[in-house]
């Protein structure tokens, strides 16, 4: 079976490996971002590094960031998460996203009531 090749002129998987280059055009802000980012995502604090990686993986799916999905899949595995935990985290994100979509149905219902009354 012929493998389908994704063609997207806006994204390139190589960009993930060169993400650090964002500091080149604004070094101070870029370095502040990376300092903050590593402080938030790395190491065991109130959350373990594994828990942080699973949260990041779930968020990556919710915001549909291909770069993030690749990075946090790897991070989750390296932090000791297994496939079942990773998929469960994605299901949690999907459920929250679905709930967010559905709560807006209340706005629709209020508008229907307003228009029909």
N, C-alpha and C. Protein backbone atom coordinates (compact mmCIF):
# COMPACT_ATOMS: atom_id res chain seq x y z
N UNK A 1 0.84 -1.18 0.00
CA UNK A 1 0.00 0.00 0.00
C UNK A 1 0.89 1.24 0.00
N UNK A 2 0.58 2.16 -0.86
CA UNK A 2 1.37 3.38 -0.98
C UNK A 2 1.09 4.29 0.21
N UNK A 3 2.17 4.78 0.83
CA UNK A 3 2.03 5.67 1.97
C UNK A 3 1.66 7.06 1.49
N UNK A 4 0.65 7.66 2.16
CA UNK A 4 0.25 9.01 1.82
C UNK A 4 1.24 9.99 2.43
N UNK A 5 1.66 10.93 1.65
CA UNK A 5 2.60 11.93 2.13
C UNK A 5 1.86 13.25 2.32
N UNK A 6 1.94 13.75 3.55
CA UNK A 6 1.27 15.01 3.85
C UNK A 6 2.07 16.16 3.25
N UNK A 7 1.38 17.03 2.56
CA UNK A 7 2.04 18.20 2.01
C UNK A 7 1.37 19.43 2.61
N UNK A 8 2.12 20.13 3.40
CA UNK A 8 1.63 21.35 4.01
C UNK A 8 2.76 22.36 3.93
N UNK A 9 2.56 23.37 3.11
CA UNK A 9 3.63 24.33 2.89
C UNK A 9 3.84 25.26 4.09
N UNK A 10 2.97 25.18 5.10
CA UNK A 10 3.08 26.07 6.25
C UNK A 10 3.83 25.45 7.42
N UNK A 11 3.90 24.15 7.50
CA UNK A 11 4.60 23.52 8.61
C UNK A 11 5.66 22.57 8.08
N UNK A 12 6.68 22.39 8.87
CA UNK A 12 7.77 21.50 8.51
C UNK A 12 8.23 20.82 9.80
N UNK A 13 8.21 19.49 9.85
CA UNK A 13 8.62 18.79 11.07
C UNK A 13 10.01 19.19 11.56
N UNK A 14 10.86 19.66 10.67
CA UNK A 14 12.20 20.10 11.06
C UNK A 14 12.16 21.33 11.96
N UNK A 15 11.05 22.08 11.91
CA UNK A 15 10.94 23.29 12.73
C UNK A 15 11.02 22.97 14.23
N UNK A 16 10.52 21.82 14.63
CA UNK A 16 10.54 21.45 16.04
C UNK A 16 11.98 21.37 16.56
N UNK A 17 12.86 20.80 15.75
CA UNK A 17 14.26 20.67 16.15
C UNK A 17 14.98 22.01 16.16
N UNK A 18 14.48 22.97 15.42
CA UNK A 18 15.15 24.28 15.36
C UNK A 18 14.38 25.36 16.11
N UNK A 19 13.48 24.96 17.00
CA UNK A 19 12.64 25.91 17.74
C UNK A 19 13.48 26.93 18.50
N UNK A 20 14.65 26.53 18.98
CA UNK A 20 15.52 27.43 19.71
C UNK A 20 15.94 28.66 18.93
N UNK A 21 15.81 28.60 17.61
CA UNK A 21 16.21 29.74 16.78
C UNK A 21 15.29 30.95 16.95
N UNK A 22 14.18 30.78 17.65
CA UNK A 22 13.29 31.93 17.83
C UNK A 22 13.97 33.05 18.62
N UNK A 23 15.04 32.73 19.34
CA UNK A 23 15.75 33.77 20.09
C UNK A 23 16.60 34.67 19.20
N UNK A 24 16.83 34.25 17.98
CA UNK A 24 17.74 35.00 17.10
C UNK A 24 17.28 36.42 16.79
N UNK A 25 15.99 36.63 16.72
CA UNK A 25 15.52 37.95 16.34
C UNK A 25 15.05 38.77 17.53
N UNK A 26 15.01 38.14 18.71
CA UNK A 26 14.65 38.86 19.93
C UNK A 26 15.19 38.04 21.09
N UNK A 27 16.48 38.15 21.31
CA UNK A 27 17.19 37.28 22.25
C UNK A 27 16.65 37.40 23.67
N UNK A 28 16.43 38.60 24.16
CA UNK A 28 15.98 38.78 25.53
C UNK A 28 14.63 38.10 25.77
N UNK A 29 13.66 38.36 24.93
CA UNK A 29 12.33 37.76 25.10
C UNK A 29 12.38 36.25 24.88
N UNK A 30 13.13 35.82 23.88
CA UNK A 30 13.25 34.39 23.61
C UNK A 30 13.85 33.64 24.78
N UNK A 31 14.92 34.19 25.35
CA UNK A 31 15.54 33.54 26.51
C UNK A 31 14.61 33.54 27.71
N UNK A 32 13.87 34.62 27.92
CA UNK A 32 12.90 34.65 29.03
C UNK A 32 11.83 33.57 28.83
N UNK A 33 11.38 33.42 27.59
CA UNK A 33 10.39 32.37 27.32
C UNK A 33 10.96 31.00 27.68
N UNK A 34 12.15 30.70 27.18
CA UNK A 34 12.73 29.37 27.41
C UNK A 34 13.04 29.13 28.89
N UNK A 35 13.44 30.16 29.61
CA UNK A 35 13.66 30.01 31.05
C UNK A 35 12.34 29.68 31.76
N UNK A 36 11.31 30.43 31.42
CA UNK A 36 9.98 30.19 32.02
C UNK A 36 9.45 28.81 31.63
N UNK A 37 9.56 28.51 30.34
CA UNK A 37 9.05 27.25 29.81
C UNK A 37 9.71 26.05 30.51
N UNK A 38 11.04 26.08 30.62
CA UNK A 38 11.72 24.95 31.25
C UNK A 38 11.41 24.90 32.75
N UNK A 39 11.25 26.05 33.36
CA UNK A 39 10.88 26.06 34.78
C UNK A 39 9.51 25.47 35.05
N UNK A 40 8.62 25.65 34.11
CA UNK A 40 7.25 25.14 34.25
C UNK A 40 7.16 23.65 33.89
N UNK A 41 7.86 23.23 32.86
CA UNK A 41 7.65 21.88 32.33
C UNK A 41 8.64 20.84 32.83
N UNK A 42 9.77 21.24 33.36
CA UNK A 42 10.80 20.26 33.72
C UNK A 42 10.86 20.00 35.21
N UNK A 43 11.25 18.80 35.54
CA UNK A 43 11.49 18.43 36.93
C UNK A 43 10.24 18.18 37.74
N UNK A 44 10.45 17.60 38.90
CA UNK A 44 9.35 17.32 39.82
C UNK A 44 9.18 18.51 40.76
N UNK A 45 7.99 19.07 40.76
CA UNK A 45 7.64 20.15 41.69
C UNK A 45 6.35 19.69 42.36
N UNK A 46 5.33 20.52 42.38
CA UNK A 46 4.05 20.06 42.90
C UNK A 46 3.50 18.94 42.02
N UNK A 47 3.84 18.99 40.74
CA UNK A 47 3.51 17.92 39.79
C UNK A 47 4.79 17.20 39.41
N UNK A 48 4.67 15.92 39.13
CA UNK A 48 5.84 15.19 38.64
C UNK A 48 6.09 15.56 37.18
N UNK A 49 7.29 15.30 36.72
CA UNK A 49 7.60 15.57 35.31
C UNK A 49 6.70 14.73 34.40
N UNK A 50 6.35 13.51 34.82
CA UNK A 50 5.45 12.65 34.07
C UNK A 50 4.06 13.27 33.97
N UNK A 51 3.57 13.78 35.08
CA UNK A 51 2.25 14.43 35.08
C UNK A 51 2.25 15.65 34.18
N UNK A 52 3.30 16.44 34.25
CA UNK A 52 3.41 17.62 33.38
C UNK A 52 3.43 17.23 31.91
N UNK A 53 4.16 16.18 31.58
CA UNK A 53 4.24 15.73 30.19
C UNK A 53 2.87 15.25 29.70
N UNK A 54 2.14 14.53 30.56
CA UNK A 54 0.80 14.06 30.18
C UNK A 54 -0.17 15.22 30.00
N UNK A 55 -0.08 16.22 30.86
CA UNK A 55 -0.92 17.42 30.70
C UNK A 55 -0.59 18.10 29.38
N UNK A 56 0.69 18.26 29.12
CA UNK A 56 1.12 18.91 27.88
C UNK A 56 0.67 18.11 26.66
N UNK A 57 0.73 16.80 26.75
CA UNK A 57 0.28 15.95 25.64
C UNK A 57 -1.21 16.14 25.40
N UNK A 58 -1.99 16.17 26.47
CA UNK A 58 -3.44 16.36 26.34
C UNK A 58 -3.75 17.73 25.74
N UNK A 59 -3.10 18.77 26.24
CA UNK A 59 -3.31 20.12 25.71
C UNK A 59 -2.91 20.17 24.24
N UNK A 60 -1.82 19.50 23.89
CA UNK A 60 -1.36 19.48 22.50
C UNK A 60 -2.43 18.97 21.56
N UNK A 61 -3.14 17.95 22.01
CA UNK A 61 -4.23 17.42 21.19
C UNK A 61 -5.40 18.39 21.15
N UNK A 62 -5.72 19.00 22.27
CA UNK A 62 -6.85 19.92 22.31
C UNK A 62 -6.63 21.13 21.41
N UNK A 63 -5.38 21.62 21.37
CA UNK A 63 -5.09 22.78 20.51
C UNK A 63 -4.63 22.37 19.12
N UNK A 64 -4.51 21.08 18.91
CA UNK A 64 -4.16 20.48 17.63
C UNK A 64 -2.83 21.01 17.08
N UNK A 65 -1.80 20.91 17.92
CA UNK A 65 -0.45 21.33 17.53
C UNK A 65 0.38 20.10 17.21
N UNK A 66 0.63 19.86 15.94
CA UNK A 66 1.39 18.69 15.51
C UNK A 66 2.79 18.66 16.11
N UNK A 67 3.43 19.82 16.16
CA UNK A 67 4.76 19.88 16.76
C UNK A 67 4.70 19.42 18.21
N UNK A 68 3.73 19.96 18.94
CA UNK A 68 3.59 19.65 20.36
C UNK A 68 3.26 18.18 20.59
N UNK A 69 2.41 17.61 19.75
CA UNK A 69 2.05 16.20 19.89
C UNK A 69 3.29 15.34 19.78
N UNK A 70 4.13 15.60 18.78
CA UNK A 70 5.37 14.84 18.64
C UNK A 70 6.26 15.02 19.86
N UNK A 71 6.46 16.27 20.26
CA UNK A 71 7.37 16.55 21.38
C UNK A 71 6.87 15.94 22.67
N UNK A 72 5.59 16.09 22.98
CA UNK A 72 5.09 15.62 24.27
C UNK A 72 4.78 14.13 24.29
N UNK A 73 4.63 13.52 23.12
CA UNK A 73 4.57 12.06 23.08
C UNK A 73 5.93 11.52 23.52
N UNK A 74 6.99 12.07 22.95
CA UNK A 74 8.34 11.66 23.33
C UNK A 74 8.60 11.97 24.80
N UNK A 75 8.26 13.18 25.24
CA UNK A 75 8.49 13.55 26.64
C UNK A 75 7.73 12.65 27.60
N UNK A 76 6.49 12.32 27.24
CA UNK A 76 5.69 11.44 28.11
C UNK A 76 6.33 10.07 28.25
N UNK A 77 6.78 9.51 27.14
CA UNK A 77 7.45 8.21 27.19
C UNK A 77 8.74 8.29 28.02
N UNK A 78 9.52 9.33 27.79
CA UNK A 78 10.78 9.48 28.52
C UNK A 78 10.56 9.71 30.01
N UNK A 79 9.41 10.29 30.37
CA UNK A 79 9.10 10.55 31.77
C UNK A 79 8.44 9.35 32.45
N UNK A 80 8.25 8.26 31.69
CA UNK A 80 7.74 7.04 32.30
C UNK A 80 6.27 6.74 32.07
N UNK A 81 5.59 7.54 31.25
CA UNK A 81 4.18 7.26 30.95
C UNK A 81 4.10 6.12 29.95
N UNK A 82 3.02 5.37 30.02
CA UNK A 82 2.82 4.30 29.05
C UNK A 82 1.70 4.70 28.07
N UNK A 83 1.50 3.87 27.08
CA UNK A 83 0.53 4.19 26.02
C UNK A 83 -0.88 4.36 26.57
N UNK A 84 -1.27 3.53 27.53
CA UNK A 84 -2.62 3.63 28.09
C UNK A 84 -2.81 4.97 28.81
N UNK A 85 -1.82 5.39 29.59
CA UNK A 85 -1.90 6.68 30.28
C UNK A 85 -1.95 7.83 29.29
N UNK A 86 -1.16 7.74 28.24
CA UNK A 86 -1.15 8.79 27.24
C UNK A 86 -2.50 8.90 26.54
N UNK A 87 -3.07 7.76 26.16
CA UNK A 87 -4.37 7.78 25.49
C UNK A 87 -5.46 8.28 26.43
N UNK A 88 -5.37 7.90 27.70
CA UNK A 88 -6.36 8.38 28.66
C UNK A 88 -6.28 9.90 28.80
N UNK A 89 -5.07 10.44 28.83
CA UNK A 89 -4.90 11.89 28.90
C UNK A 89 -5.54 12.57 27.69
N UNK A 90 -5.37 11.97 26.52
CA UNK A 90 -5.97 12.53 25.31
C UNK A 90 -7.50 12.45 25.39
N UNK A 91 -8.03 11.36 25.93
CA UNK A 91 -9.48 11.26 26.11
C UNK A 91 -10.01 12.31 27.07
N UNK A 92 -9.27 12.59 28.13
CA UNK A 92 -9.68 13.64 29.06
C UNK A 92 -9.75 14.98 28.33
N UNK A 93 -8.73 15.28 27.54
CA UNK A 93 -8.73 16.53 26.77
C UNK A 93 -9.90 16.57 25.80
N UNK A 94 -10.18 15.45 25.15
CA UNK A 94 -11.29 15.40 24.19
C UNK A 94 -12.63 15.61 24.90
N UNK A 95 -12.79 15.02 26.07
CA UNK A 95 -14.03 15.18 26.82
C UNK A 95 -14.23 16.63 27.27
N UNK A 96 -13.15 17.25 27.73
CA UNK A 96 -13.24 18.65 28.15
C UNK A 96 -13.56 19.53 26.95
N UNK A 97 -12.91 19.27 25.83
CA UNK A 97 -13.17 20.06 24.62
C UNK A 97 -14.61 19.87 24.15
N UNK A 98 -15.10 18.65 24.21
CA UNK A 98 -16.50 18.38 23.82
C UNK A 98 -17.46 19.10 24.76
N UNK A 99 -17.15 19.07 26.05
CA UNK A 99 -17.99 19.78 27.02
C UNK A 99 -17.99 21.26 26.77
N UNK A 100 -16.84 21.80 26.40
CA UNK A 100 -16.75 23.22 26.08
C UNK A 100 -17.63 23.55 24.88
N UNK A 101 -17.61 22.70 23.89
CA UNK A 101 -18.46 22.90 22.71
C UNK A 101 -19.93 22.85 23.11
N UNK A 102 -20.29 21.87 23.92
CA UNK A 102 -21.68 21.69 24.30
C UNK A 102 -22.21 22.78 25.23
N UNK A 103 -21.37 23.35 26.08
CA UNK A 103 -21.87 24.40 26.98
C UNK A 103 -22.36 25.60 26.19
N UNK A 104 -21.77 25.81 25.01
CA UNK A 104 -22.24 26.92 24.17
C UNK A 104 -23.64 26.67 23.62
N UNK A 105 -24.13 25.45 23.75
CA UNK A 105 -25.52 25.17 23.37
C UNK A 105 -26.48 25.97 24.25
N UNK A 106 -26.07 26.28 25.46
CA UNK A 106 -26.91 27.12 26.33
C UNK A 106 -27.10 28.50 25.71
N UNK A 107 -26.05 29.03 25.11
CA UNK A 107 -26.19 30.32 24.43
C UNK A 107 -27.19 30.20 23.30
N UNK A 108 -27.10 29.11 22.53
CA UNK A 108 -28.04 28.88 21.44
C UNK A 108 -29.46 28.77 21.99
N UNK A 109 -29.63 28.03 23.06
CA UNK A 109 -30.97 27.85 23.64
C UNK A 109 -31.54 29.18 24.12
N UNK A 110 -30.72 30.00 24.76
CA UNK A 110 -31.19 31.32 25.21
C UNK A 110 -31.58 32.19 24.02
N UNK A 111 -30.80 32.12 22.94
CA UNK A 111 -31.11 32.91 21.76
C UNK A 111 -32.42 32.45 21.11
N UNK A 112 -32.63 31.12 21.04
CA UNK A 112 -33.87 30.57 20.50
C UNK A 112 -35.05 31.07 21.32
N UNK A 113 -34.92 30.99 22.65
CA UNK A 113 -36.01 31.46 23.52
C UNK A 113 -36.28 32.95 23.31
N UNK A 114 -35.22 33.74 23.16
CA UNK A 114 -35.36 35.18 22.95
C UNK A 114 -36.07 35.47 21.63
N UNK A 115 -35.68 34.77 20.57
CA UNK A 115 -36.25 35.01 19.24
C UNK A 115 -37.69 34.54 19.17
N UNK A 116 -38.00 33.40 19.78
CA UNK A 116 -39.34 32.82 19.68
C UNK A 116 -40.34 33.41 20.67
N UNK A 117 -39.87 34.16 21.64
CA UNK A 117 -40.80 34.72 22.63
C UNK A 117 -41.23 36.09 22.27
